[in-house]
N, C-alpha and C. Protein backbone atom coordinates (compact mmCIF):
# COMPACT_ATOMS: atom_id res chain seq x y z
N UNK A 1 11.68 16.38 1.54
CA UNK A 1 10.77 16.81 2.55
C UNK A 1 11.46 17.90 3.53
N UNK A 2 12.73 17.77 3.56
CA UNK A 2 13.45 18.76 4.49
C UNK A 2 13.11 20.17 4.02
N UNK A 3 13.10 20.42 2.74
CA UNK A 3 12.70 21.75 2.22
C UNK A 3 11.30 22.17 2.71
N UNK A 4 10.40 21.29 2.54
CA UNK A 4 8.94 21.53 2.92
C UNK A 4 8.97 21.81 4.46
N UNK A 5 9.58 21.07 5.24
CA UNK A 5 9.63 21.13 6.61
C UNK A 5 10.24 22.52 7.05
N UNK A 6 11.23 22.84 6.46
CA UNK A 6 11.89 24.20 6.66
C UNK A 6 10.93 25.28 6.43
N UNK A 7 10.30 25.23 5.18
CA UNK A 7 9.38 26.35 4.86
C UNK A 7 8.21 26.38 5.95
N UNK A 8 7.68 25.20 6.15
CA UNK A 8 6.53 25.20 7.04
C UNK A 8 6.87 25.64 8.50
N UNK A 9 7.93 25.24 9.02
CA UNK A 9 8.46 25.54 10.33
C UNK A 9 8.74 27.04 10.45
N UNK A 10 9.45 27.55 9.37
CA UNK A 10 9.62 28.99 9.42
C UNK A 10 8.39 29.86 9.40
N UNK A 11 7.38 29.28 8.68
CA UNK A 11 6.09 30.11 8.54
C UNK A 11 5.31 30.01 9.75
N UNK A 12 5.32 28.87 10.39
CA UNK A 12 4.39 28.71 11.56
C UNK A 12 5.16 27.99 12.75
N UNK A 13 6.09 28.47 13.26
CA UNK A 13 6.94 27.86 14.29
C UNK A 13 6.12 27.40 15.52
N UNK A 14 5.00 28.07 15.78
CA UNK A 14 4.24 27.72 17.05
C UNK A 14 3.40 26.41 16.83
N UNK A 15 3.31 25.96 15.52
CA UNK A 15 2.46 24.76 15.32
C UNK A 15 3.15 23.47 15.34
N UNK A 16 4.44 23.42 15.48
CA UNK A 16 5.09 22.00 15.66
C UNK A 16 4.64 21.35 16.81
N UNK A 17 4.63 19.94 16.80
CA UNK A 17 4.44 19.17 17.96
C UNK A 17 5.63 19.24 18.87
N UNK A 18 5.52 18.83 20.07
CA UNK A 18 6.55 18.78 21.06
C UNK A 18 6.62 17.38 21.66
N UNK A 19 7.71 16.70 21.62
CA UNK A 19 7.89 15.33 22.20
C UNK A 19 7.92 15.42 23.62
N UNK A 20 7.79 14.27 24.34
CA UNK A 20 7.92 14.35 25.79
C UNK A 20 9.38 14.89 26.27
N UNK A 21 10.29 14.71 25.36
CA UNK A 21 11.66 15.22 25.73
C UNK A 21 11.84 16.71 25.39
N UNK A 22 10.74 17.34 24.90
CA UNK A 22 10.78 18.83 24.61
C UNK A 22 11.28 19.17 23.19
N UNK A 23 11.48 18.13 22.34
CA UNK A 23 11.96 18.55 21.01
C UNK A 23 10.76 18.68 20.04
N UNK A 24 10.87 19.66 19.16
CA UNK A 24 9.78 19.82 18.17
C UNK A 24 9.80 18.77 17.16
N UNK A 25 8.61 18.54 16.54
CA UNK A 25 8.49 17.51 15.45
C UNK A 25 7.40 17.92 14.45
N UNK A 26 7.45 17.41 13.34
CA UNK A 26 6.39 17.59 12.29
C UNK A 26 6.08 16.16 11.79
N UNK A 27 4.95 15.96 11.11
CA UNK A 27 4.58 14.71 10.67
C UNK A 27 4.56 14.70 9.07
N UNK A 28 4.96 13.60 8.47
CA UNK A 28 4.97 13.56 6.98
C UNK A 28 3.55 13.23 6.50
N UNK A 29 3.16 13.91 5.53
CA UNK A 29 1.79 13.72 4.89
C UNK A 29 1.89 13.61 3.41
N UNK A 30 1.46 12.47 2.82
CA UNK A 30 1.40 12.24 1.44
C UNK A 30 0.20 13.00 0.81
N UNK A 31 0.35 13.94 -0.01
CA UNK A 31 -0.79 14.66 -0.55
C UNK A 31 -1.56 13.78 -1.62
N UNK A 32 -0.73 12.84 -2.19
CA UNK A 32 -1.41 11.79 -2.96
C UNK A 32 -1.08 10.38 -2.19
N UNK A 33 -2.29 9.94 -1.56
CA UNK A 33 -2.07 8.80 -0.70
C UNK A 33 -1.50 7.66 -1.39
N UNK A 34 -0.62 6.92 -0.74
CA UNK A 34 0.02 5.74 -1.28
C UNK A 34 -1.03 4.68 -1.42
N UNK A 35 -1.95 4.59 -0.57
CA UNK A 35 -3.06 3.58 -0.61
C UNK A 35 -3.95 3.79 -1.75
N UNK A 36 -3.93 5.03 -2.31
CA UNK A 36 -4.77 5.32 -3.52
C UNK A 36 -3.87 5.34 -4.80
N UNK A 37 -2.66 4.79 -4.77
CA UNK A 37 -1.86 4.73 -5.92
C UNK A 37 -0.79 5.76 -6.00
N UNK A 38 -0.77 6.67 -5.09
CA UNK A 38 0.21 7.69 -5.11
C UNK A 38 1.66 7.20 -4.81
N UNK A 39 2.67 7.82 -5.28
CA UNK A 39 4.03 7.43 -5.09
C UNK A 39 4.55 7.80 -3.75
N UNK A 40 5.34 6.95 -3.15
CA UNK A 40 6.05 7.33 -1.91
C UNK A 40 7.34 7.98 -2.30
N UNK A 41 7.16 9.18 -2.62
CA UNK A 41 8.30 10.05 -3.09
C UNK A 41 8.20 11.42 -2.50
N UNK A 42 9.41 12.01 -2.20
CA UNK A 42 9.46 13.31 -1.56
C UNK A 42 8.59 14.36 -2.33
N UNK A 43 8.50 14.23 -3.57
CA UNK A 43 7.76 15.19 -4.37
C UNK A 43 6.21 15.33 -3.91
N UNK A 44 5.76 14.28 -3.31
CA UNK A 44 4.34 14.28 -2.94
C UNK A 44 4.21 14.21 -1.37
N UNK A 45 5.18 14.66 -0.71
CA UNK A 45 5.12 14.53 0.79
C UNK A 45 5.35 16.01 1.38
N UNK A 46 4.63 16.40 2.35
CA UNK A 46 4.75 17.76 2.94
C UNK A 46 4.76 17.50 4.47
N UNK A 47 5.47 18.26 5.08
CA UNK A 47 5.58 18.25 6.57
C UNK A 47 4.50 19.07 7.25
N UNK A 48 3.67 18.44 8.19
CA UNK A 48 2.61 19.09 8.86
C UNK A 48 2.73 19.07 10.35
N UNK A 49 2.17 19.98 11.02
CA UNK A 49 2.07 19.84 12.47
C UNK A 49 1.01 18.80 12.68
N UNK A 50 1.00 18.24 13.88
CA UNK A 50 0.06 17.18 14.23
C UNK A 50 -1.41 17.55 14.02
N UNK A 51 -1.73 18.81 14.47
CA UNK A 51 -3.13 19.23 14.28
C UNK A 51 -3.49 19.33 12.81
N UNK A 52 -2.65 19.92 12.00
CA UNK A 52 -3.01 20.04 10.50
C UNK A 52 -3.04 18.67 9.90
N UNK A 53 -2.24 17.75 10.33
CA UNK A 53 -2.25 16.32 9.75
C UNK A 53 -3.66 15.66 10.16
N UNK A 54 -4.07 15.93 11.30
CA UNK A 54 -5.42 15.34 11.68
C UNK A 54 -6.46 16.04 10.90
N UNK A 55 -6.42 17.27 10.66
CA UNK A 55 -7.34 17.97 9.95
C UNK A 55 -7.50 17.45 8.52
N UNK A 56 -6.41 17.22 7.82
CA UNK A 56 -6.42 16.74 6.44
C UNK A 56 -7.09 15.39 6.34
N UNK A 57 -6.82 14.46 7.29
CA UNK A 57 -7.35 13.21 7.30
C UNK A 57 -8.76 13.03 7.97
N UNK A 58 -9.08 13.84 8.87
CA UNK A 58 -10.25 13.58 9.65
C UNK A 58 -11.22 14.92 9.69
N UNK A 59 -10.81 16.01 9.18
CA UNK A 59 -11.51 17.22 9.25
C UNK A 59 -12.61 17.33 8.21
N UNK A 60 -13.58 18.05 8.54
CA UNK A 60 -14.74 18.30 7.62
C UNK A 60 -14.29 18.83 6.31
N UNK A 61 -13.18 19.56 6.25
CA UNK A 61 -12.74 20.21 5.02
C UNK A 61 -11.44 19.56 4.58
N UNK A 62 -11.22 18.22 4.93
CA UNK A 62 -9.93 17.62 4.71
C UNK A 62 -9.57 17.55 3.23
N UNK A 63 -10.48 17.16 2.39
CA UNK A 63 -10.24 17.08 0.96
C UNK A 63 -9.86 18.38 0.35
N UNK A 64 -10.64 19.40 0.64
CA UNK A 64 -10.25 20.72 0.11
C UNK A 64 -8.89 21.25 0.71
N UNK A 65 -8.66 20.94 2.02
CA UNK A 65 -7.48 21.36 2.59
C UNK A 65 -6.16 20.57 1.91
N UNK A 66 -6.38 19.30 1.65
CA UNK A 66 -5.33 18.56 1.03
C UNK A 66 -4.98 19.14 -0.41
N UNK A 67 -6.06 19.62 -1.11
CA UNK A 67 -5.71 20.30 -2.40
C UNK A 67 -4.94 21.54 -2.20
N UNK A 68 -5.24 22.35 -1.22
CA UNK A 68 -4.46 23.56 -0.85
C UNK A 68 -3.06 23.15 -0.56
N UNK A 69 -2.86 22.10 0.21
CA UNK A 69 -1.51 21.63 0.61
C UNK A 69 -0.75 21.17 -0.66
N UNK A 70 -1.37 20.49 -1.56
CA UNK A 70 -0.69 20.00 -2.76
C UNK A 70 -0.26 21.21 -3.58
N UNK A 71 -1.06 22.33 -3.61
CA UNK A 71 -0.64 23.57 -4.34
C UNK A 71 0.56 24.17 -3.64
N UNK A 72 0.50 24.25 -2.27
CA UNK A 72 1.52 24.83 -1.59
C UNK A 72 2.93 24.03 -1.80
N UNK A 73 2.80 22.75 -1.74
CA UNK A 73 3.90 21.88 -2.03
C UNK A 73 4.49 22.13 -3.37
N UNK A 74 3.66 22.26 -4.40
CA UNK A 74 4.11 22.56 -5.72
C UNK A 74 4.97 23.75 -5.76
N UNK A 75 4.37 24.82 -5.07
CA UNK A 75 5.21 26.17 -5.11
C UNK A 75 6.54 25.92 -4.39
N UNK A 76 6.55 25.23 -3.25
CA UNK A 76 7.88 24.87 -2.46
C UNK A 76 8.80 24.29 -3.51
N UNK A 77 8.35 23.23 -4.15
CA UNK A 77 9.14 22.49 -5.04
C UNK A 77 9.73 23.37 -6.16
N UNK A 78 8.96 24.39 -6.69
CA UNK A 78 9.44 25.09 -7.80
C UNK A 78 10.32 26.22 -7.36
N UNK A 79 10.40 26.53 -6.02
CA UNK A 79 11.34 27.59 -5.56
C UNK A 79 12.68 27.12 -5.40
């Protein structure tokens, strides 16, 4: 996940969350949900900013967005 976080943070540094102590953070998202039988393995986890993480779980386009994230994660893993 560190590789995915580095790629995402480099691409969109303004989208990381900020803790009360002023430190940036990202959230781990499983593109194949563990509750749906997905593996809890770094291959299926991508780092997202808090807004994007909410979007994938609660947004109108969440399912489509998750598919796009899975594709991006695959590209990161192959690089």
